[in-house]
Amino acid sequence: MSNDETTGELGNIESGKGRPTPKRKESESARKQGISVPKDPKAARRAASARDREARAKSRAGLMAGDPAFFPRRDAGPVKAQVRDYIDRRRTVGEFFVPFAFVVLLLGLVNNPTVQTTVVYVWTSVLLLVVLDTILVGILLGRSLRKDYPDKADRKGAVSYGVLRALQLRRFRIPPPRIKAGGKPITPKVKNK
C-alpha cells in the first residue's frame, strides 16, 4: 500500500462529517434555547418543583396500577414478578403479624397476671409460627425459582425479596398484588373521572 493510498483513506475518514465544527458560542446558545427557564429564581424553583411533583405523581400512579414501566429496579423483571405472584397466591402468618402485635400490646396493658401470662405464651407461639412459616416460604420459593431459573445470577436476591413481601400486610404491598389469596386474578379497579 502506497503513501498516497493511506492519505486518501484518511482523507475520506476525516471528511466524513460533511460540515464544519460549530463554534462553542453557537453550540451553547443552541443548547440554551431548548431550555425555557424563567428569569426569576423563585419562579424557576416553583416550575422545577411542579415538574418534579407531576413526574412523581405519574410514577406513583403507574406503580399502583401495576405498570412494569414504572417499577423501581428492585421490583423489575420476570423473576420478581414470579416471586410476587407466588407470595400473593397464598396466605402467610407474617401478614397477620402486625395486627396481632397490636392486639397483644393492648392485652399486655391489662393488669391481670393470668391475662399477662397467657399473652406471653401466645406471643411467643406467634413469633415461632412467623419464623417457621418464613423459613418454609423461603425454602418453597427457592425450590420453585430453581426449577424455572436454573442460573443462580437470575434469581439473586429473589428469595429475600419474597420473604420480605410475605411479611407485609397484603393491603400495603407495592406493587399491588395481581393475584388473590387462593390463586384467582384480581380485576383492576377503574377510577371514574
Protein backbone atom coordinates (compact mmCIF):
# COMPACT_ATOMS: atom_id res chain seq x y z
CA MET A 1 0.00 0.00 0.00
CA SER A 2 1.50 3.35 -1.00
CA ASN A 3 1.63 6.54 1.00
CA ASP A 4 -0.89 8.24 -1.32
CA GLU A 5 -3.47 5.50 -0.78
CA THR A 6 -3.11 5.81 3.00
CA THR A 7 -3.58 9.57 2.86
CA GLY A 8 -6.58 9.13 0.60
CA GLU A 9 -8.22 6.73 3.06
CA LEU A 10 -7.53 9.05 5.98
CA GLY A 11 -8.79 11.98 3.99
CA ASN A 12 -12.11 10.19 3.45
CA ILE A 13 -12.39 9.29 7.11
CA GLU A 14 -11.68 12.82 8.30
CA SER A 15 -14.10 14.48 5.90
CA GLY A 16 -17.00 12.13 6.74
CA LYS A 17 -18.85 14.72 8.81
CA GLY A 18 -19.61 16.95 5.87
CA ARG A 19 -19.91 20.19 7.87
CA PRO A 20 -17.58 22.38 9.91
CA THR A 21 -17.46 22.01 13.67
CA PRO A 22 -19.73 24.64 15.29
CA LYS A 23 -18.14 27.32 17.41
CA ARG A 24 -18.52 26.99 21.15
CA LYS A 25 -20.69 30.11 21.38
CA GLU A 26 -23.08 28.72 18.74
CA SER A 27 -23.47 25.32 20.41
CA GLU A 28 -24.03 26.86 23.85
CA SER A 29 -26.69 29.25 22.54
CA ALA A 30 -28.43 26.38 20.71
CA ARG A 31 -28.46 24.33 23.90
CA LYS A 32 -29.81 27.20 25.97
CA GLN A 33 -32.63 27.90 23.51
CA GLY A 34 -34.06 24.42 24.18
CA ILE A 35 -34.42 25.13 27.90
CA SER A 36 -37.12 27.63 28.87
CA VAL A 37 -36.40 28.66 32.43
CA PRO A 38 -37.99 31.75 33.96
CA LYS A 39 -35.54 34.54 34.74
CA ASP A 40 -36.83 34.87 38.31
CA PRO A 41 -35.08 32.25 40.55
CA LYS A 42 -38.18 31.74 42.71
CA ALA A 43 -40.34 31.14 39.66
CA ALA A 44 -37.73 28.72 38.30
CA ARG A 45 -37.75 26.76 41.57
CA ARG A 46 -41.55 26.67 41.58
CA ALA A 47 -41.60 25.44 37.96
CA ALA A 48 -38.99 22.75 38.72
CA SER A 49 -40.91 21.72 41.84
CA ALA A 50 -44.16 21.47 39.85
CA ARG A 51 -42.46 19.35 37.16
CA ASP A 52 -40.96 17.05 39.80
CA ARG A 53 -44.29 16.72 41.62
CA GLU A 54 -46.06 15.86 38.38
CA ALA A 55 -43.40 13.27 37.48
CA ARG A 56 -43.64 11.66 40.94
CA ALA A 57 -47.45 11.55 40.74
CA LYS A 58 -47.30 9.93 37.30
CA SER A 59 -44.71 7.42 38.51
CA ARG A 60 -46.74 6.59 41.64
CA ALA A 61 -49.95 6.14 39.62
CA GLY A 62 -48.14 3.82 37.20
CA LEU A 63 -46.66 1.81 40.06
CA MET A 64 -50.01 1.45 41.82
CA ALA A 65 -51.65 0.43 38.54
CA GLY A 66 -49.07 -2.34 38.17
CA ASP A 67 -47.42 -0.95 35.04
CA PRO A 68 -43.92 -2.54 34.82
CA ALA A 69 -42.56 0.58 33.09
CA PHE A 70 -42.85 2.46 36.40
CA PHE A 71 -41.45 -0.26 38.69
CA PRO A 72 -38.31 0.60 40.63
CA ARG A 73 -35.27 -1.54 39.91
CA ARG A 74 -35.85 -3.78 42.93
CA ASP A 75 -39.30 -4.81 41.60
CA ALA A 76 -38.49 -5.08 37.89
CA GLY A 77 -38.04 -8.23 35.88
CA PRO A 78 -39.74 -11.58 35.29
CA VAL A 79 -38.13 -13.24 38.33
CA LYS A 80 -39.51 -10.63 40.73
CA ALA A 81 -42.92 -10.84 39.02
CA GLN A 82 -42.95 -14.60 39.59
CA VAL A 83 -41.91 -14.09 43.23
CA ARG A 84 -44.72 -11.58 43.78
CA ASP A 85 -47.29 -13.91 42.23
CA TYR A 86 -46.00 -16.87 44.27
CA ILE A 87 -46.21 -14.93 47.54
CA ASP A 88 -49.54 -13.25 46.77
CA ARG A 89 -51.12 -16.59 45.87
CA ARG A 90 -51.04 -17.83 49.45
CA ARG A 91 -51.74 -16.58 52.96
CA THR A 92 -48.81 -16.35 55.36
CA VAL A 93 -48.61 -15.97 59.13
CA GLY A 94 -46.36 -12.95 58.65
CA GLU A 95 -49.04 -10.83 57.02
CA PHE A 96 -51.17 -11.12 60.18
CA PHE A 97 -48.27 -10.33 62.48
CA VAL A 98 -48.72 -6.54 62.72
CA PRO A 99 -52.45 -6.60 63.60
CA PHE A 100 -51.83 -9.40 66.07
CA ALA A 101 -48.94 -7.48 67.65
CA PHE A 102 -51.28 -4.51 68.16
CA VAL A 103 -53.83 -6.74 69.93
CA VAL A 104 -51.11 -8.29 72.10
CA LEU A 105 -49.85 -4.81 73.01
CA LEU A 106 -53.33 -3.80 74.16
CA LEU A 107 -53.82 -7.03 76.10
CA GLY A 108 -50.44 -6.52 77.75
CA LEU A 109 -51.83 -3.36 79.37
CA VAL A 110 -54.45 -5.39 81.26
CA ASN A 111 -53.44 -5.57 84.91
CA ASN A 112 -54.27 -9.24 85.38
CA PRO A 113 -51.50 -11.81 85.93
CA THR A 114 -53.41 -14.60 84.16
CA VAL A 115 -54.01 -12.47 81.07
CA GLN A 116 -50.40 -11.28 81.00
CA THR A 117 -49.06 -14.84 81.33
CA THR A 118 -51.36 -16.00 78.54
CA VAL A 119 -50.26 -13.08 76.35
CA VAL A 120 -46.59 -14.01 76.82
CA TYR A 121 -47.22 -17.63 75.80
CA VAL A 122 -49.39 -16.66 72.84
CA TRP A 123 -46.88 -14.00 71.73
CA THR A 124 -44.01 -16.50 71.86
CA SER A 125 -46.06 -19.03 69.89
CA VAL A 126 -46.93 -16.49 67.21
CA LEU A 127 -43.29 -15.39 66.88
CA LEU A 128 -42.28 -19.03 66.49
CA LEU A 129 -45.01 -19.58 63.88
CA VAL A 130 -43.86 -16.50 61.93
CA VAL A 131 -40.26 -17.71 61.91
CA LEU A 132 -41.22 -21.24 60.83
CA ASP A 133 -43.61 -20.00 58.16
CA THR A 134 -40.99 -17.58 56.82
CA ILE A 135 -38.39 -20.36 56.61
CA LEU A 136 -40.91 -22.61 54.85
CA VAL A 137 -41.85 -19.87 52.38
CA GLY A 138 -38.16 -19.23 51.65
CA ILE A 139 -37.45 -22.93 51.02
CA LEU A 140 -40.50 -23.48 48.78
CA LEU A 141 -39.93 -20.24 46.88
CA GLY A 142 -36.26 -21.08 46.32
CA ARG A 143 -37.20 -24.53 45.01
CA SER A 144 -39.76 -23.05 42.63
CA LEU A 145 -37.31 -20.45 41.33
CA ARG A 146 -34.50 -23.00 40.84
CA LYS A 147 -36.83 -25.02 38.65
CA ASP A 148 -37.75 -22.06 36.40
CA TYR A 149 -34.46 -20.11 36.57
CA PRO A 150 -31.53 -22.53 36.89
CA ASP A 151 -28.90 -19.78 36.60
CA LYS A 152 -28.07 -18.52 40.09
CA ALA A 153 -27.41 -14.97 38.85
CA ASP A 154 -31.01 -14.67 37.56
CA ARG A 155 -32.54 -15.34 40.97
CA LYS A 156 -30.07 -13.37 43.10
CA GLY A 157 -31.93 -11.72 46.00
CA ALA A 158 -35.30 -13.10 44.88
CA VAL A 159 -35.91 -15.30 47.94
CA SER A 160 -35.23 -12.48 50.41
CA TYR A 161 -37.45 -10.21 48.28
CA GLY A 162 -40.24 -12.80 48.55
CA VAL A 163 -39.78 -13.34 52.28
CA LEU A 164 -39.99 -9.60 52.96
CA ARG A 165 -43.11 -9.36 50.80
CA ALA A 166 -44.66 -12.27 52.73
CA LEU A 167 -44.20 -10.34 55.98
CA GLN A 168 -46.08 -7.28 54.68
CA LEU A 169 -49.79 -6.73 55.07
CA ARG A 170 -51.41 -7.66 51.76
CA ARG A 171 -53.15 -4.30 51.51
CA PHE A 172 -49.87 -2.35 51.72
CA ARG A 173 -47.79 -4.41 49.29
CA ILE A 174 -46.23 -2.37 46.49
CA PRO A 175 -46.53 -3.19 43.60
CA PRO A 176 -50.06 -4.28 44.46
CA PRO A 177 -50.91 -7.99 44.15
CA ARG A 178 -52.21 -9.27 40.80
CA ILE A 179 -53.50 -12.49 42.37
CA LYS A 180 -55.88 -13.04 45.27
CA ALA A 181 -55.06 -15.49 48.02
CA GLY A 182 -56.07 -18.82 46.53
CA GLY A 183 -54.87 -18.04 43.01
CA LYS A 184 -57.69 -16.08 41.35
CA PRO A 185 -56.60 -12.98 39.40
CA ILE A 186 -57.58 -9.58 40.74
CA THR A 187 -59.71 -7.46 38.44
CA PRO A 188 -58.21 -3.96 38.25
CA LYS A 189 -60.30 -1.13 39.65
CA VAL A 190 -61.17 1.58 37.16
CA LYS A 191 -61.45 5.09 38.56
CA ASN A 192 -64.25 7.29 37.24
CA LYS A 193 -63.13 10.75 36.22
